[in-house]
Amino acid sequence: MTLPIAKLERPALADALVASGPDAPTLCEGWSAYDLVAHLVVRENKPIATIGIVAASLGQLHERAIERTKLRSSFESLVERFRSGPPLAWKLVDDLFNGQEFFIHHEDLRRGGGNTEPRPAEEIAGIEDQLWRLLERGKRFAVRGIKDVGVELTRPDGAAITARRGEPKAIIAGRPGEILLYLSGRKSAAHVELRGDPDAIAQVEAARLGI
């Protein structure tokens, strides 16, 4: 039985952070690996500051919390704090809320230096099956930035999710993890193929995406 994504990706991401070092670039604009791990610790331990993640007008709350956390803690201590697991308040929702988050940020770190090659499919097959189910569950939210066209998500085995009904229609095809990265706003780093009506594809390419 495959463990939940959060339980698999937390130690894998912690190991990747140690291997990369604090100054490694990420796909998050302006963030180093140090900023990334500080964000992860703030997110789990300072709920008020995390409001700035979802409310752009309060974004400075989150950014200031990251800077304060870096001033108070070394990169190494933050990595180990993250690795040790969620605080008590998060334990019951760790798998629900952290699976996609940890996968995306692991790839932010892996691909931040310019090599966007995905992890081997066989290595993360169990993770991607879970990501596919999460995409099905959150499909409307994931494509909320795409207007006036239908959107279908298709994986290599032919399975498909109708994320938004309508015509003309665009198809976002690729492995589940790559589709997730594309819909999370990492368009240039995601290995997907856009198919379907040219106007619908243009709408998808122009859409502001983010999960």
C-alpha atoms as a PDB file:
ATOM      1  CA  MET A   1       0.000   0.000   0.000  1.00  0.00           C
ATOM      2  CA  THR A   2       1.373   3.394  -1.024  1.00  0.00           C
ATOM      3  CA  LEU A   3       1.748   5.948   1.758  1.00  0.00           C
ATOM      4  CA  PRO A   4      -0.055   9.299   1.392  1.00  0.00           C
ATOM      5  CA  ILE A   5       1.831  11.853  -0.708  1.00  0.00           C
ATOM      6  CA  ALA A   6       2.625  14.118   2.242  1.00  0.00           C
ATOM      7  CA  LYS A   7       4.324  11.288   4.146  1.00  0.00           C
ATOM      8  CA  LEU A   8       6.388  10.335   1.088  1.00  0.00           C
ATOM      9  CA  GLU A   9       7.290  13.828  -0.071  1.00  0.00           C
ATOM     10  CA  ARG A  10       8.154  15.393   3.297  1.00  0.00           C
ATOM     11  CA  PRO A  11      11.350  13.338   3.840  1.00  0.00           C
ATOM     12  CA  ALA A  12      12.163  13.396   0.116  1.00  0.00           C
ATOM     13  CA  LEU A  13      11.884  17.183   0.006  1.00  0.00           C
ATOM     14  CA  ALA A  14      13.924  17.518   3.213  1.00  0.00           C
ATOM     15  CA  ASP A  15      16.671  15.363   1.671  1.00  0.00           C
ATOM     16  CA  ALA A  16      16.577  17.451  -1.509  1.00  0.00           C
ATOM     17  CA  LEU A  17      16.917  20.647   0.519  1.00  0.00           C
ATOM     18  CA  VAL A  18      19.968  19.298   2.342  1.00  0.00           C
ATOM     19  CA  ALA A  19      21.526  18.234  -0.964  1.00  0.00           C
ATOM     20  CA  SER A  20      20.813  21.573  -2.640  1.00  0.00           C
ATOM     21  CA  GLY A  21      21.985  23.936   0.086  1.00  0.00           C
ATOM     22  CA  PRO A  22      20.364  27.237   1.131  1.00  0.00           C
ATOM     23  CA  ASP A  23      21.216  29.256  -1.989  1.00  0.00           C
ATOM     24  CA  ALA A  24      19.814  26.880  -4.580  1.00  0.00           C
ATOM     25  CA  PRO A  25      17.320  28.511  -6.972  1.00  0.00           C
ATOM     26  CA  THR A  26      13.686  27.419  -7.150  1.00  0.00           C
ATOM     27  CA  LEU A  27      10.799  27.893  -9.559  1.00  0.00           C
ATOM     28  CA  CYS A  28       9.213  30.309  -7.048  1.00  0.00           C
ATOM     29  CA  GLU A  29      10.256  33.720  -8.330  1.00  0.00           C
ATOM     30  CA  GLY A  30      12.770  35.368  -5.996  1.00  0.00           C
ATOM     31  CA  TRP A  31      12.947  32.403  -3.628  1.00  0.00           C
ATOM     32  CA  SER A  32      16.012  30.373  -2.779  1.00  0.00           C
ATOM     33  CA  ALA A  33      15.873  26.983  -1.067  1.00  0.00           C
ATOM     34  CA  TYR A  34      16.225  28.860   2.239  1.00  0.00           C
ATOM     35  CA  ASP A  35      13.112  30.924   1.476  1.00  0.00           C
ATOM     36  CA  LEU A  36      11.252  27.786   0.439  1.00  0.00           C
ATOM     37  CA  VAL A  37      11.884  25.861   3.644  1.00  0.00           C
ATOM     38  CA  ALA A  38      11.130  28.971   5.715  1.00  0.00           C
ATOM     39  CA  HIS A  39       7.786  29.192   3.882  1.00  0.00           C
ATOM     40  CA  LEU A  40       7.026  25.555   4.683  1.00  0.00           C
ATOM     41  CA  VAL A  41       7.780  26.070   8.370  1.00  0.00           C
ATOM     42  CA  VAL A  42       5.780  29.320   8.533  1.00  0.00           C
ATOM     43  CA  ARG A  43       2.858  27.669   6.759  1.00  0.00           C
ATOM     44  CA  GLU A  44       2.619  24.940   9.391  1.00  0.00           C
ATOM     45  CA  ASN A  45       3.414  26.995  12.464  1.00  0.00           C
ATOM     46  CA  LYS A  46       2.140  30.557  11.940  1.00  0.00           C
ATOM     47  CA  PRO A  47      -1.453  30.385  10.660  1.00  0.00           C
ATOM     48  CA  ILE A  48      -1.993  34.146  10.757  1.00  0.00           C
ATOM     49  CA  ALA A  49       1.018  34.788   8.533  1.00  0.00           C
ATOM     50  CA  THR A  50      -0.178  32.188   6.020  1.00  0.00           C
ATOM     51  CA  ILE A  51      -3.226  34.319   5.216  1.00  0.00           C
ATOM     52  CA  GLY A  52      -0.845  36.219   2.972  1.00  0.00           C
ATOM     53  CA  ILE A  53      -0.433  33.135   0.784  1.00  0.00           C
ATOM     54  CA  VAL A  54      -4.046  33.232  -0.391  1.00  0.00           C
ATOM     55  CA  ALA A  55      -4.833  36.938   0.024  1.00  0.00           C
ATOM     56  CA  ALA A  56      -2.595  38.981  -2.252  1.00  0.00           C
ATOM     57  CA  SER A  57      -3.383  42.195  -0.374  1.00  0.00           C
ATOM     58  CA  LEU A  58      -1.876  40.629   2.747  1.00  0.00           C
ATOM     59  CA  GLY A  59       1.111  39.070   1.023  1.00  0.00           C
ATOM     60  CA  GLN A  60       3.563  41.125   3.072  1.00  0.00           C
ATOM     61  CA  LEU A  61       2.477  39.255   6.215  1.00  0.00           C
ATOM     62  CA  HIS A  62       3.776  36.058   4.714  1.00  0.00           C
ATOM     63  CA  GLU A  63       6.950  37.577   3.296  1.00  0.00           C
ATOM     64  CA  ARG A  64       7.821  39.254   6.609  1.00  0.00           C
ATOM     65  CA  ALA A  65       7.223  35.993   8.466  1.00  0.00           C
ATOM     66  CA  ILE A  66       9.635  34.235   6.121  1.00  0.00           C
ATOM     67  CA  GLU A  67      12.328  36.870   6.660  1.00  0.00           C
ATOM     68  CA  ARG A  68      11.909  36.778  10.459  1.00  0.00           C
ATOM     69  CA  THR A  69      12.090  32.985  10.431  1.00  0.00           C
ATOM     70  CA  LYS A  70      15.332  33.075   8.437  1.00  0.00           C
ATOM     71  CA  LEU A  71      16.841  35.623  10.841  1.00  0.00           C
ATOM     72  CA  ARG A  72      16.039  33.428  13.834  1.00  0.00           C
ATOM     73  CA  SER A  73      16.875  30.005  12.416  1.00  0.00           C
ATOM     74  CA  SER A  74      19.601  28.495  10.276  1.00  0.00           C
ATOM     75  CA  PHE A  75      18.753  26.750   7.032  1.00  0.00           C
ATOM     76  CA  GLU A  76      19.770  23.403   8.524  1.00  0.00           C
ATOM     77  CA  SER A  77      17.563  23.797  11.600  1.00  0.00           C
ATOM     78  CA  LEU A  78      14.560  24.753   9.454  1.00  0.00           C
ATOM     79  CA  VAL A  79      15.040  21.715   7.251  1.00  0.00           C
ATOM     80  CA  GLU A  80      15.107  19.454  10.303  1.00  0.00           C
ATOM     81  CA  ARG A  81      12.081  21.209  11.782  1.00  0.00           C
ATOM     82  CA  PHE A  82      10.198  20.596   8.545  1.00  0.00           C
ATOM     83  CA  ARG A  83      11.412  16.994   8.354  1.00  0.00           C
ATOM     84  CA  SER A  84      10.242  16.243  11.913  1.00  0.00           C
ATOM     85  CA  GLY A  85       6.608  16.453  10.843  1.00  0.00           C
ATOM     86  CA  PRO A  86       3.641  18.735  11.284  1.00  0.00           C
ATOM     87  CA  PRO A  87       2.708  20.351  14.593  1.00  0.00           C
ATOM     88  CA  LEU A  88      -0.200  18.805  16.479  1.00  0.00           C
ATOM     89  CA  ALA A  89      -2.774  21.123  14.918  1.00  0.00           C
ATOM     90  CA  TRP A  90      -1.794  19.898  11.443  1.00  0.00           C
ATOM     91  CA  LYS A  91      -1.519  16.167  12.083  1.00  0.00           C
ATOM     92  CA  LEU A  92      -5.140  15.354  11.253  1.00  0.00           C
ATOM     93  CA  VAL A  93      -5.068  17.314   7.993  1.00  0.00           C
ATOM     94  CA  ASP A  94      -1.467  16.697   6.921  1.00  0.00           C
ATOM     95  CA  ASP A  95      -2.343  14.234   4.163  1.00  0.00           C
ATOM     96  CA  LEU A  96      -5.312  16.283   2.964  1.00  0.00           C
ATOM     97  CA  PHE A  97      -3.622  19.676   2.655  1.00  0.00           C
ATOM     98  CA  ASN A  98       0.071  18.915   2.209  1.00  0.00           C
ATOM     99  CA  GLY A  99       0.222  16.299  -0.541  1.00  0.00           C
ATOM    100  CA  GLN A 100       0.020  18.624  -3.539  1.00  0.00           C
ATOM    101  CA  GLU A 101       1.928  21.360  -1.709  1.00  0.00           C
ATOM    102  CA  PHE A 102       4.949  19.161  -0.991  1.00  0.00           C
ATOM    103  CA  PHE A 103       4.998  17.607  -4.472  1.00  0.00           C
ATOM    104  CA  ILE A 104       4.904  21.031  -6.143  1.00  0.00           C
ATOM    105  CA  HIS A 105       7.614  22.481  -3.906  1.00  0.00           C
ATOM    106  CA  HIS A 106       9.812  19.399  -4.352  1.00  0.00           C
ATOM    107  CA  GLU A 107       9.632  20.024  -8.092  1.00  0.00           C
ATOM    108  CA  ASP A 108      10.195  23.771  -7.558  1.00  0.00           C
ATOM    109  CA  LEU A 109      13.501  22.846  -5.972  1.00  0.00           C
ATOM    110  CA  ARG A 110      14.415  20.062  -8.432  1.00  0.00           C
ATOM    111  CA  ARG A 111      13.733  22.198 -11.492  1.00  0.00           C
ATOM    112  CA  GLY A 112      14.829  25.588 -10.195  1.00  0.00           C
ATOM    113  CA  GLY A 113      18.266  25.321 -11.767  1.00  0.00           C
ATOM    114  CA  GLY A 114      16.846  24.869 -15.257  1.00  0.00           C
ATOM    115  CA  ASN A 115      16.718  21.080 -15.618  1.00  0.00           C
ATOM    116  CA  THR A 116      12.972  20.418 -15.842  1.00  0.00           C
ATOM    117  CA  GLU A 117      13.192  16.669 -16.454  1.00  0.00           C
ATOM    118  CA  PRO A 118      10.463  14.899 -14.417  1.00  0.00           C
ATOM    119  CA  ARG A 119      11.242  12.130 -12.004  1.00  0.00           C
ATOM    120  CA  PRO A 120      10.963   8.670 -13.647  1.00  0.00           C
ATOM    121  CA  ALA A 121       7.324   7.604 -13.977  1.00  0.00           C
ATOM    122  CA  GLU A 122       7.942   4.262 -12.302  1.00  0.00           C
ATOM    123  CA  GLU A 123       9.601   5.980  -9.330  1.00  0.00           C
ATOM    124  CA  ILE A 124       6.561   8.076  -8.442  1.00  0.00           C
ATOM    125  CA  ALA A 125       3.692   6.051  -9.939  1.00  0.00           C
ATOM    126  CA  GLY A 126       1.930   5.746  -6.563  1.00  0.00           C
ATOM    127  CA  ILE A 127       2.255   9.480  -5.945  1.00  0.00           C
ATOM    128  CA  GLU A 128       0.915  10.347  -9.392  1.00  0.00           C
ATOM    129  CA  ASP A 129      -2.093   8.062  -8.984  1.00  0.00           C
ATOM    130  CA  GLN A 130      -2.938   9.993  -5.818  1.00  0.00           C
ATOM    131  CA  LEU A 131      -2.349  13.332  -7.570  1.00  0.00           C
ATOM    132  CA  TRP A 132      -4.788  12.275 -10.289  1.00  0.00           C
ATOM    133  CA  ARG A 133      -7.488  11.641  -7.695  1.00  0.00           C
ATOM    134  CA  LEU A 134      -6.766  15.034  -6.129  1.00  0.00           C
ATOM    135  CA  LEU A 135      -7.044  16.690  -9.539  1.00  0.00           C
ATOM    136  CA  GLU A 136     -10.417  15.034 -10.024  1.00  0.00           C
ATOM    137  CA  ARG A 137     -11.568  16.295  -6.645  1.00  0.00           C
ATOM    138  CA  GLY A 138     -10.309  19.842  -7.124  1.00  0.00           C
ATOM    139  CA  LYS A 139     -10.762  20.211 -10.879  1.00  0.00           C
ATOM    140  CA  ARG A 140     -13.038  23.264 -10.861  1.00  0.00           C
ATOM    141  CA  PHE A 141     -10.759  25.173  -8.513  1.00  0.00           C
ATOM    142  CA  ALA A 142      -7.660  24.159 -10.485  1.00  0.00           C
ATOM    143  CA  VAL A 143      -8.967  25.653 -13.751  1.00  0.00           C
ATOM    144  CA  ARG A 144     -10.801  28.638 -12.269  1.00  0.00           C
ATOM    145  CA  GLY A 145      -8.473  31.020 -14.107  1.00  0.00           C
ATOM    146  CA  ILE A 146      -9.525  29.637 -17.506  1.00  0.00           C
ATOM    147  CA  LYS A 147     -12.658  31.308 -18.839  1.00  0.00           C
ATOM    148  CA  ASP A 148     -15.117  30.696 -21.701  1.00  0.00           C
ATOM    149  CA  VAL A 149     -13.689  27.385 -22.940  1.00  0.00           C
ATOM    150  CA  GLY A 150     -13.926  23.721 -21.990  1.00  0.00           C
ATOM    151  CA  VAL A 151     -10.913  22.037 -20.397  1.00  0.00           C
ATOM    152  CA  GLU A 152     -10.095  18.346 -20.302  1.00  0.00           C
ATOM    153  CA  LEU A 153      -7.160  16.785 -18.468  1.00  0.00           C
ATOM    154  CA  THR A 154      -5.761  13.587 -20.006  1.00  0.00           C
ATOM    155  CA  ARG A 155      -3.063  11.283 -18.700  1.00  0.00           C
ATOM    156  CA  PRO A 156      -0.897   8.945 -20.834  1.00  0.00           C
ATOM    157  CA  ASP A 157      -3.044   5.866 -20.168  1.00  0.00           C
ATOM    158  CA  GLY A 158      -6.060   7.628 -21.705  1.00  0.00           C
ATOM    159  CA  ALA A 159      -7.908   8.430 -18.477  1.00  0.00           C
ATOM    160  CA  ALA A 160      -9.555  11.848 -18.683  1.00  0.00           C
ATOM    161  CA  ILE A 161     -11.086  14.437 -16.373  1.00  0.00           C
ATOM    162  CA  THR A 162     -13.550  17.037 -17.630  1.00  0.00           C
ATOM    163  CA  ALA A 163     -12.367  19.988 -15.578  1.00  0.00           C
ATOM    164  CA  ARG A 164     -14.565  22.570 -17.273  1.00  0.00           C
ATOM    165  CA  ARG A 165     -17.446  21.877 -19.642  1.00  0.00           C
ATOM    166  CA  GLY A 166     -17.823  23.962 -22.751  1.00  0.00           C
ATOM    167  CA  GLU A 167     -16.881  24.475 -26.367  1.00  0.00           C
ATOM    168  CA  PRO A 168     -14.447  25.123 -27.852  1.00  0.00           C
ATOM    169  CA  LYS A 169     -12.332  22.768 -25.771  1.00  0.00           C
ATOM    170  CA  ALA A 170      -8.654  22.492 -24.901  1.00  0.00           C
ATOM    171  CA  ILE A 171      -6.980  19.318 -23.669  1.00  0.00           C
ATOM    172  CA  ILE A 172      -4.062  19.451 -21.244  1.00  0.00           C
ATOM    173  CA  ALA A 173      -2.284  16.122 -21.704  1.00  0.00           C
ATOM    174  CA  GLY A 174       0.514  14.710 -19.618  1.00  0.00           C
ATOM    175  CA  ARG A 175       1.426  12.800 -16.496  1.00  0.00           C
ATOM    176  CA  PRO A 176      -0.632  13.815 -13.434  1.00  0.00           C
ATOM    177  CA  GLY A 177       2.312  15.556 -11.765  1.00  0.00           C
ATOM    178  CA  GLU A 178       3.046  17.567 -14.900  1.00  0.00           C
ATOM    179  CA  ILE A 179      -0.591  18.631 -15.263  1.00  0.00           C
ATOM    180  CA  LEU A 180      -0.580  19.690 -11.609  1.00  0.00           C
ATOM    181  CA  LEU A 181       2.557  21.777 -12.130  1.00  0.00           C
ATOM    182  CA  TYR A 182       1.032  23.431 -15.190  1.00  0.00           C
ATOM    183  CA  LEU A 183      -2.186  24.274 -13.358  1.00  0.00           C
ATOM    184  CA  SER A 184      -0.200  25.573 -10.376  1.00  0.00           C
ATOM    185  CA  GLY A 185       1.374  28.207 -12.612  1.00  0.00           C
ATOM    186  CA  ARG A 186       4.656  26.429 -13.435  1.00  0.00           C
ATOM    187  CA  LYS A 187       3.809  26.435 -17.147  1.00  0.00           C
ATOM    188  CA  SER A 188       7.323  26.713 -18.543  1.00  0.00           C
ATOM    189  CA  ALA A 189       8.645  23.874 -16.383  1.00  0.00           C
ATOM    190  CA  ALA A 190       5.758  21.434 -16.885  1.00  0.00           C
ATOM    191  CA  HIS A 191       5.914  18.714 -19.524  1.00  0.00           C
ATOM    192  CA  VAL A 192       2.404  18.827 -20.979  1.00  0.00           C
ATOM    193  CA  GLU A 193       0.910  18.956 -24.451  1.00  0.00           C
ATOM    194  CA  LEU A 194      -1.972  21.273 -25.293  1.00  0.00           C
ATOM    195  CA  ARG A 195      -4.401  19.862 -27.854  1.00  0.00           C
ATOM    196  CA  GLY A 196      -7.754  20.817 -29.288  1.00  0.00           C
ATOM    197  CA  ASP A 197      -9.231  24.021 -30.629  1.00  0.00           C
ATOM    198  CA  PRO A 198      -6.561  26.687 -31.299  1.00  0.00           C
ATOM    199  CA  ASP A 199      -8.644  29.473 -29.713  1.00  0.00           C
ATOM    200  CA  ALA A 200      -9.250  27.356 -26.617  1.00  0.00           C
ATOM    201  CA  ILE A 201      -5.540  26.554 -26.397  1.00  0.00           C
ATOM    202  CA  ALA A 202      -4.751  30.262 -26.622  1.00  0.00           C
ATOM    203  CA  GLN A 203      -7.129  30.915 -23.719  1.00  0.00           C
ATOM    204  CA  VAL A 204      -5.380  28.289 -21.598  1.00  0.00           C
ATOM    205  CA  GLU A 205      -1.923  29.631 -22.465  1.00  0.00           C
ATOM    206  CA  ALA A 206      -2.965  33.177 -21.547  1.00  0.00           C
ATOM    207  CA  ALA A 207      -4.768  32.221 -18.316  1.00  0.00           C
ATOM    208  CA  ARG A 208      -3.317  33.132 -14.944  1.00  0.00           C
ATOM    209  CA  LEU A 209      -3.102  29.800 -13.140  1.00  0.00           C
ATOM    210  CA  GLY A 210      -2.241  28.828  -9.591  1.00  0.00           C
ATOM    211  CA  ILE A 211      -3.408  26.273  -7.031  1.00  0.00           C
END
